């Protein structure tokens, strides 16, 4: 479960529209609170009306994309439905899963 302070930090990172900054915020949150999952982070972004989305890639990597159009295209390219993406995000719980490609 994400605290109000953690949600605020994520949403501030989202406002930068900088994938590197958002990734750093996600990595920091995962490293400092082992109870938080990537799904918790994605849901906090959605609840906060964020512009960025997380896409699970190959089960152990995450991609940051901006806007619903790019989110849908990235899901299609990854062969994931929104529900499958949520399930993959729920299973990937460590900071090591944040790596690789950023759009």
Protein backbone atom coordinates (compact mmCIF):
# COMPACT_ATOMS: atom_id res chain seq x y z
CA UNK A 1 0.00 0.00 0.00
CA UNK A 2 1.35 3.40 -0.95
CA UNK A 3 1.25 6.24 1.54
CA UNK A 4 0.03 9.74 0.70
CA UNK A 5 3.62 11.01 0.80
CA UNK A 6 4.81 8.28 -1.59
CA UNK A 7 1.91 9.00 -3.96
CA UNK A 8 2.79 12.69 -3.89
CA UNK A 9 6.41 11.93 -4.80
CA UNK A 10 5.31 9.72 -7.70
CA UNK A 11 2.94 12.35 -9.02
CA UNK A 12 5.63 15.03 -8.78
CA UNK A 13 7.92 12.79 -10.83
CA UNK A 14 5.11 12.24 -13.34
CA UNK A 15 4.72 16.00 -13.79
CA UNK A 16 8.29 16.17 -15.15
CA UNK A 17 7.31 13.92 -18.08
CA UNK A 18 10.86 12.62 -17.90
CA UNK A 19 11.08 8.81 -18.03
CA UNK A 20 14.44 8.82 -16.26
CA UNK A 21 13.07 10.89 -13.38
CA UNK A 22 9.94 8.73 -13.10
CA UNK A 23 12.03 5.56 -13.17
CA UNK A 24 14.24 6.93 -10.40
CA UNK A 25 11.17 7.70 -8.29
CA UNK A 26 9.83 4.18 -8.83
CA UNK A 27 13.21 2.61 -8.05
CA UNK A 28 13.50 4.67 -4.88
CA UNK A 29 10.04 3.71 -3.72
CA UNK A 30 10.64 0.00 -4.34
CA UNK A 31 14.03 0.13 -2.61
CA UNK A 32 12.74 1.92 0.48
CA UNK A 33 9.45 0.07 0.96
CA UNK A 34 9.53 -3.67 0.22
CA UNK A 35 5.76 -3.95 0.71
CA UNK A 36 5.05 -1.86 -2.39
CA UNK A 37 4.57 -3.56 -5.75
CA UNK A 38 4.74 -2.13 -9.24
CA UNK A 39 1.00 -2.63 -9.43
CA UNK A 40 0.59 -0.42 -6.35
CA UNK A 41 2.65 2.23 -8.11
CA UNK A 42 0.68 1.92 -11.36
CA UNK A 43 -2.62 2.19 -9.47
CA UNK A 44 -1.35 5.25 -7.58
CA UNK A 45 -0.44 6.86 -10.91
CA UNK A 46 -3.89 6.06 -12.33
CA UNK A 47 -5.70 7.31 -9.22
CA UNK A 48 -3.70 10.53 -9.37
CA UNK A 49 -4.52 11.19 -13.03
CA UNK A 50 -0.88 10.72 -14.06
CA UNK A 51 0.32 10.97 -17.65
CA UNK A 52 2.82 8.11 -17.37
CA UNK A 53 2.04 4.40 -17.41
CA UNK A 54 4.09 1.34 -16.48
CA UNK A 55 4.31 -1.61 -18.88
CA UNK A 56 5.65 -4.98 -17.74
CA UNK A 57 8.20 -6.24 -20.23
CA UNK A 58 9.40 -9.84 -20.20
CA UNK A 59 8.23 -10.19 -16.60
CA UNK A 60 11.32 -8.58 -15.08
CA UNK A 61 11.57 -5.21 -16.82
CA UNK A 62 9.34 -2.17 -16.82
CA UNK A 63 8.84 0.42 -19.49
CA UNK A 64 7.58 3.93 -18.82
CA UNK A 65 5.31 5.36 -21.52
CA UNK A 66 3.39 8.61 -21.73
CA UNK A 67 -0.27 8.96 -22.58
CA UNK A 68 -2.98 6.41 -23.17
CA UNK A 69 -2.31 6.13 -26.90
CA UNK A 70 1.33 5.14 -26.29
CA UNK A 71 0.25 2.87 -23.42
CA UNK A 72 -2.13 0.96 -25.69
CA UNK A 73 0.50 0.72 -28.44
CA UNK A 74 3.13 -0.53 -25.98
CA UNK A 75 0.72 -3.11 -24.57
CA UNK A 76 -0.03 -4.33 -28.07
CA UNK A 77 3.68 -4.51 -28.94
CA UNK A 78 4.34 -6.48 -25.75
CA UNK A 79 1.42 -8.79 -26.47
CA UNK A 80 -0.33 -7.82 -23.25
CA UNK A 81 -3.87 -6.90 -22.37
CA UNK A 82 -4.40 -4.28 -19.66
CA UNK A 83 -5.33 -7.08 -17.23
CA UNK A 84 -2.27 -9.17 -18.14
CA UNK A 85 -0.09 -6.08 -17.62
CA UNK A 86 -1.59 -5.53 -14.17
CA UNK A 87 -0.94 -9.17 -13.28
CA UNK A 88 2.67 -8.94 -14.46
CA UNK A 89 3.19 -5.71 -12.50
CA UNK A 90 1.78 -7.39 -9.38
CA UNK A 91 4.31 -10.24 -9.70
CA UNK A 92 7.37 -8.00 -10.25
CA UNK A 93 8.15 -6.59 -6.81
CA UNK A 94 11.85 -5.72 -6.69
CA UNK A 95 13.87 -2.73 -7.74
CA UNK A 96 15.83 -5.00 -10.10
CA UNK A 97 12.80 -5.26 -12.36
CA UNK A 98 13.23 -1.60 -13.34
CA UNK A 99 15.73 -1.72 -16.13
CA UNK A 100 16.14 -1.42 -19.85
CA UNK A 101 14.00 0.34 -22.35
CA UNK A 102 12.23 3.60 -21.69
CA UNK A 103 10.12 5.40 -24.25
